[in-house]
Amino acid sequence: MQIVREIKNNWKYLLLSIIIAFFYITLFNAQAGAAELNVNLLHREKIALSSEAEAELMLVDPKAAQKDLIIIDSKKDLSSGIPVKFKLQLESGDIAEGKNYQLLSLIKDGREMIWTDSQKISGADLLTKKEIDIMLSRKPARFLSFYGKKDLKIKFLEGMAQLIIEDEEYILPQQRTASGAKFANSKISVWNKGRELYLEQNNKSYKLSLPGINDLNQKNSEFSELTARGQEPPWQLSLNKSRLKLNYGYLSNQITVQAQNIEKIEQESHILYKIRTNFFRL
């Protein structure tokens, strides 16, 4: 009876103690279920970046459905220079310790200049590591043009693709599939199988193809002038029915070869252009 009287007399203090204990238990569980990961993006090259340059970091579950493929997508401008520092807030409810994820990172300046990296990282490391340094590099890649009811350009990078359609640019992570290479976010996807590409956008599907030799030989074709370019050092080439023009040496030098000195050799899967000139061999 004495205990019952004490509880009746001190019920307010008892209730307050229970509330405080519940608060601390909830706070402890929340802290235990969350993790903070600092990711620093660096690159070795000494390059001049414009004011429009930006960095992007994506945490991806490559085996997830399209709507759940991207867990985190964070972007930053490069006003503070290199390294670019990202701070990721991770919840254990979103990250499974036994699964593998992809950290996709890039620094880009315009649509042509892009440095990337793709790293596999376990859920356990995501939740326990405090900091990761990622060294980006520039890997050779060029835009491929696919044509159909919709036209697009796509550049296949490590673990991701750079897509340009209707003058809009998308960086899409790669999704694990049984065949072909699929790149997607929650709104758009492209699935590349050989010379064909399947586009899904706004709940509509499109089939596109790389141009073939027959397309290149059509009269009045939009491919009547062929262009190509490369980097390190930069060069640029254009070819039409009358001449070939090559800019090289950081585009400061130019060579023009007239059509009569160009021999066109059609192969089964490509066209070879042979240049006859005493100045250089191409």
Protein backbone atom coordinates (compact mmCIF):
# COMPACT_ATOMS: atom_id res chain seq x y z
CA MET A 1 0.00 0.00 0.00
CA GLN A 2 2.90 2.33 0.75
CA ILE A 3 4.21 1.92 -2.84
CA VAL A 4 0.77 2.72 -4.29
CA ARG A 5 0.55 5.91 -2.18
CA GLU A 6 4.04 7.02 -3.32
CA ILE A 7 3.09 6.46 -6.97
CA LYS A 8 -0.12 8.48 -6.49
CA ASN A 9 1.77 11.29 -4.84
CA ASN A 10 4.62 11.36 -7.37
CA TRP A 11 2.86 10.36 -10.63
CA LYS A 12 3.90 13.59 -12.37
CA TYR A 13 7.59 12.94 -11.70
CA LEU A 14 7.22 9.32 -12.81
CA LEU A 15 5.52 10.34 -16.07
CA LEU A 16 8.22 12.92 -16.72
CA SER A 17 10.93 10.30 -16.16
CA ILE A 18 9.27 7.93 -18.63
CA ILE A 19 9.02 10.71 -21.27
CA ILE A 20 12.70 11.66 -20.83
CA ALA A 21 13.80 8.01 -21.07
CA PHE A 22 11.70 7.52 -24.22
CA PHE A 23 13.24 10.66 -25.77
CA TYR A 24 16.80 9.45 -25.17
CA ILE A 25 16.05 5.96 -26.50
CA THR A 26 14.52 7.45 -29.68
CA LEU A 27 17.47 9.82 -30.11
CA PHE A 28 19.96 6.98 -29.68
CA ASN A 29 18.16 4.79 -32.23
CA ALA A 30 18.02 7.67 -34.72
CA GLN A 31 21.74 8.35 -34.35
CA ALA A 32 22.54 4.64 -34.67
CA GLY A 33 20.47 4.41 -37.85
CA ALA A 34 22.09 7.40 -39.59
CA ALA A 35 25.58 7.91 -40.96
CA GLU A 36 27.45 10.83 -42.49
CA LEU A 37 29.93 10.25 -45.33
CA ASN A 38 32.24 12.94 -46.70
CA VAL A 39 33.23 12.44 -50.36
CA ASN A 40 35.99 14.55 -51.94
CA LEU A 41 36.28 14.72 -55.74
CA LEU A 42 39.77 15.44 -57.12
CA HIS A 43 41.56 15.27 -60.46
CA ARG A 44 45.27 15.27 -61.34
CA GLU A 45 45.09 17.44 -64.45
CA LYS A 46 45.78 21.15 -64.18
CA ILE A 47 43.00 22.59 -66.29
CA ALA A 48 41.12 25.85 -66.53
CA LEU A 49 37.42 25.42 -65.79
CA SER A 50 34.81 28.00 -66.69
CA SER A 51 32.28 29.53 -64.30
CA GLU A 52 29.68 27.06 -65.63
CA ALA A 53 31.66 23.97 -64.56
CA GLU A 54 29.93 21.70 -62.07
CA ALA A 55 30.41 18.46 -60.16
CA GLU A 56 27.85 15.72 -59.62
CA LEU A 57 27.81 12.75 -57.26
CA MET A 58 25.31 9.89 -57.51
CA LEU A 59 24.78 6.97 -55.16
CA VAL A 60 23.12 4.18 -57.16
CA ASP A 61 21.66 0.77 -56.48
CA PRO A 62 22.32 -0.83 -59.91
CA LYS A 63 20.01 -3.80 -59.21
CA ALA A 64 17.03 -1.69 -58.16
CA ALA A 65 13.96 -0.88 -60.24
CA GLN A 66 14.17 2.23 -62.40
CA LYS A 67 12.25 4.46 -59.96
CA ASP A 68 14.57 3.42 -57.07
CA LEU A 69 17.82 3.29 -59.08
CA ILE A 70 19.23 6.64 -57.85
CA ILE A 71 19.41 6.94 -54.05
CA ILE A 72 21.25 10.28 -53.93
CA ASP A 73 21.94 12.77 -56.74
CA SER A 74 23.84 15.84 -55.58
CA LYS A 75 25.30 18.68 -57.69
CA LYS A 76 27.68 21.52 -56.87
CA ASP A 77 29.29 24.35 -58.79
CA LEU A 78 33.08 24.65 -58.70
CA SER A 79 33.24 28.14 -57.25
CA SER A 80 35.28 26.81 -54.31
CA GLY A 81 37.70 24.97 -56.62
CA ILE A 82 39.08 21.45 -56.33
CA PRO A 83 38.59 19.27 -54.32
CA VAL A 84 34.81 19.36 -54.44
CA LYS A 85 33.40 18.30 -51.08
CA PHE A 86 30.11 16.43 -50.76
CA LYS A 87 28.49 15.49 -47.45
CA LEU A 88 26.10 12.56 -47.73
CA GLN A 89 23.49 11.89 -45.05
CA LEU A 90 22.72 8.17 -45.13
CA GLU A 91 19.91 6.33 -43.37
CA SER A 92 20.31 2.66 -42.49
CA GLY A 93 16.73 2.16 -43.68
CA ASP A 94 17.83 3.18 -47.18
CA ILE A 95 21.15 1.28 -47.16
CA ALA A 96 21.45 -2.48 -46.69
CA GLU A 97 24.78 -3.58 -45.21
CA GLY A 98 24.95 -6.74 -47.35
CA LYS A 99 24.33 -5.03 -50.71
CA ASN A 100 26.76 -3.43 -53.17
CA TYR A 101 26.22 0.09 -54.49
CA GLN A 102 27.89 2.39 -57.04
CA LEU A 103 29.33 5.82 -56.33
CA LEU A 104 29.29 7.69 -59.66
CA SER A 105 31.07 11.02 -59.79
CA LEU A 106 31.91 13.54 -62.48
CA ILE A 107 33.24 17.02 -63.11
CA LYS A 108 32.03 18.64 -66.32
CA ASP A 109 32.51 21.91 -68.13
CA GLY A 110 30.07 22.16 -71.01
CA ARG A 111 29.04 19.04 -72.88
CA GLU A 112 32.42 18.04 -74.30
CA MET A 113 34.69 18.22 -71.23
CA ILE A 114 33.96 15.54 -68.65
CA TRP A 115 35.96 13.67 -65.97
CA THR A 116 34.40 10.63 -64.33
CA ASP A 117 34.83 7.78 -61.88
CA SER A 118 32.75 4.76 -60.89
CA GLN A 119 33.38 2.93 -57.63
CA LYS A 120 31.70 -0.13 -56.14
CA ILE A 121 31.06 0.29 -52.43
CA SER A 122 29.31 -1.99 -49.93
CA GLY A 123 26.46 -0.90 -47.72
CA ALA A 124 28.59 -1.66 -44.65
CA ASP A 125 31.31 0.74 -45.85
CA LEU A 126 28.75 3.42 -46.65
CA LEU A 127 27.45 3.30 -43.08
CA THR A 128 30.84 3.07 -41.32
CA LYS A 129 33.33 5.05 -43.42
CA LYS A 130 33.70 8.71 -42.56
CA GLU A 131 35.53 10.02 -45.66
CA ILE A 132 36.38 8.92 -49.20
CA ASP A 133 38.71 10.59 -51.73
CA ILE A 134 37.86 9.94 -55.39
CA MET A 135 40.37 10.73 -58.14
CA LEU A 136 38.57 11.47 -61.40
CA SER A 137 40.10 10.88 -64.82
CA ARG A 138 39.23 11.67 -68.39
CA LYS A 139 38.56 8.53 -70.42
CA PRO A 140 38.33 8.49 -74.23
CA ALA A 141 34.67 8.62 -75.29
CA ARG A 142 32.74 10.19 -78.13
CA PHE A 143 29.13 10.96 -78.86
CA LEU A 144 27.23 8.47 -81.02
CA SER A 145 24.19 9.69 -82.96
CA PHE A 146 21.07 7.51 -83.13
CA TYR A 147 18.20 8.32 -85.47
CA GLY A 148 14.50 7.43 -85.59
CA LYS A 149 11.25 9.18 -84.70
CA LYS A 150 13.42 10.95 -82.14
CA ASP A 151 17.10 11.73 -82.67
CA LEU A 152 19.65 11.76 -79.88
CA LYS A 153 23.36 11.76 -79.09
CA ILE A 154 24.83 9.54 -76.38
CA LYS A 155 28.29 9.14 -74.88
CA PHE A 156 28.94 5.91 -72.97
CA LEU A 157 31.09 6.51 -69.89
CA GLU A 158 32.14 4.25 -67.01
CA GLY A 159 28.96 3.23 -65.20
CA MET A 160 26.92 6.04 -66.75
CA ALA A 161 25.91 7.70 -70.01
CA GLN A 162 25.71 11.32 -71.13
CA LEU A 163 22.53 11.77 -73.18
CA ILE A 164 21.50 14.78 -75.27
CA ILE A 165 17.97 14.81 -76.66
CA GLU A 166 15.98 17.81 -77.85
CA ASP A 167 18.88 19.95 -76.61
CA GLU A 168 18.39 18.66 -73.05
CA GLU A 169 21.27 16.89 -71.30
CA TYR A 170 20.96 13.96 -68.90
CA ILE A 171 23.57 12.02 -66.93
CA LEU A 172 22.08 8.55 -66.50
CA PRO A 173 23.50 5.78 -64.28
CA GLN A 174 23.71 2.24 -65.64
CA GLN A 175 21.09 -0.22 -64.48
CA ARG A 176 21.93 -3.94 -64.19
CA THR A 177 20.15 -5.92 -66.94
CA ALA A 178 20.33 -9.43 -68.38
CA SER A 179 21.39 -8.18 -71.83
CA GLY A 180 22.46 -4.93 -73.44
CA ALA A 181 23.31 -1.75 -71.56
CA LYS A 182 20.51 0.21 -69.91
CA PHE A 183 20.88 3.72 -68.48
CA ALA A 184 18.05 5.42 -66.64
CA ASN A 185 16.62 7.74 -64.06
CA SER A 186 13.04 7.86 -62.77
CA LYS A 187 11.77 9.67 -65.91
CA ILE A 188 13.82 8.53 -68.91
CA SER A 189 15.76 5.45 -69.98
CA VAL A 190 17.83 4.25 -72.94
CA TRP A 191 18.64 0.62 -73.68
CA ASN A 192 21.50 -0.02 -76.11
CA LYS A 193 21.72 -3.33 -77.99
CA GLY A 194 24.37 -3.26 -80.70
CA ARG A 195 23.45 -0.74 -83.41
CA GLU A 196 19.96 -0.20 -81.96
CA LEU A 197 18.83 1.89 -79.03
CA TYR A 198 15.44 1.88 -77.28
CA LEU A 199 14.28 5.12 -75.69
CA GLU A 200 11.49 5.45 -73.10
CA GLN A 201 10.33 8.97 -72.29
CA ASN A 202 7.01 10.33 -71.04
CA ASN A 203 5.49 6.81 -71.11
CA LYS A 204 6.34 6.47 -74.82
CA SER A 205 8.81 4.09 -76.47
CA TYR A 206 11.03 4.76 -79.49
CA LYS A 207 13.40 2.58 -81.48
CA LEU A 208 16.50 4.32 -82.87
CA SER A 209 19.47 3.10 -84.92
CA LEU A 210 22.99 4.10 -85.81
CA PRO A 211 23.26 5.26 -89.44
CA GLY A 212 24.44 2.58 -91.88
CA ILE A 213 26.34 2.79 -95.15
CA ASN A 214 23.12 3.05 -97.14
CA ASP A 215 22.15 6.11 -95.12
CA LEU A 216 25.52 7.71 -95.81
CA ASN A 217 25.15 7.12 -99.55
CA GLN A 218 21.66 8.58 -99.89
CA LYS A 219 21.39 11.68 -102.03
CA ASN A 220 20.54 14.89 -100.18
CA SER A 221 21.08 12.99 -96.95
CA GLU A 222 21.65 14.89 -93.70
CA PHE A 223 24.93 12.93 -93.52
CA SER A 224 26.30 14.64 -96.65
CA GLU A 225 28.99 16.21 -94.46
CA LEU A 226 30.73 13.94 -91.97
CA THR A 227 32.53 15.38 -88.96
CA ALA A 228 34.81 13.94 -86.29
CA ARG A 229 36.84 15.38 -83.45
CA GLY A 230 39.23 14.26 -80.76
CA GLN A 231 41.17 15.53 -77.76
CA GLU A 232 44.67 15.53 -76.27
CA PRO A 233 45.72 17.20 -78.48
CA PRO A 234 42.51 18.53 -80.03
CA TRP A 235 41.82 17.80 -83.71
CA GLN A 236 38.79 18.23 -85.92
CA LEU A 237 37.93 16.73 -89.31
CA SER A 238 35.12 17.43 -91.79
CA LEU A 239 34.44 15.59 -95.05
CA ASN A 240 31.98 16.31 -97.84
CA LYS A 241 31.73 15.56 -101.57
CA SER A 242 34.26 18.18 -102.59
CA ARG A 243 37.01 18.12 -99.93
CA LEU A 244 38.42 16.92 -96.63
CA LYS A 245 39.45 19.50 -94.04
CA LEU A 246 41.65 18.64 -91.05
CA ASN A 247 42.41 21.04 -88.18
CA TYR A 248 45.17 19.86 -85.83
CA GLY A 249 47.86 21.16 -83.44
CA TYR A 250 45.26 22.57 -81.03
CA LEU A 251 43.24 23.51 -84.13
CA SER A 252 45.75 26.18 -85.14
CA ASN A 253 46.86 24.30 -88.30
CA GLN A 254 44.66 23.29 -91.21
CA ILE A 255 45.03 20.94 -94.18
CA THR A 256 42.52 20.75 -97.04
CA VAL A 257 42.50 17.82 -99.50
CA GLN A 258 40.36 18.01 -102.63
CA ALA A 259 37.94 15.22 -103.59
CA GLN A 260 40.04 13.95 -106.52
CA ASN A 261 42.75 12.97 -104.02
CA ILE A 262 40.35 11.00 -101.81
CA GLU A 263 39.64 7.33 -102.54
CA LYS A 264 36.47 5.87 -101.01
CA ILE A 265 36.62 2.14 -100.17
CA GLU A 266 33.38 0.52 -98.98
CA GLN A 267 33.79 -2.37 -96.54
CA GLU A 268 31.07 -4.65 -95.19
CA SER A 269 30.56 -2.67 -91.98
CA HIS A 270 32.32 0.65 -92.62
CA ILE A 271 33.71 3.06 -95.20
CA LEU A 272 37.44 3.71 -95.53
CA TYR A 273 38.69 7.01 -96.96
CA LYS A 274 42.23 6.88 -98.34
CA ILE A 275 44.05 10.18 -98.84
CA ARG A 276 46.66 10.64 -101.58
CA THR A 277 49.00 13.47 -100.76
CA ASN A 278 52.75 14.01 -100.46
CA PHE A 279 52.38 16.17 -97.37
CA PHE A 280 51.20 13.50 -94.94
CA ARG A 281 49.84 9.96 -94.79
CA LEU A 282 46.28 9.46 -93.52
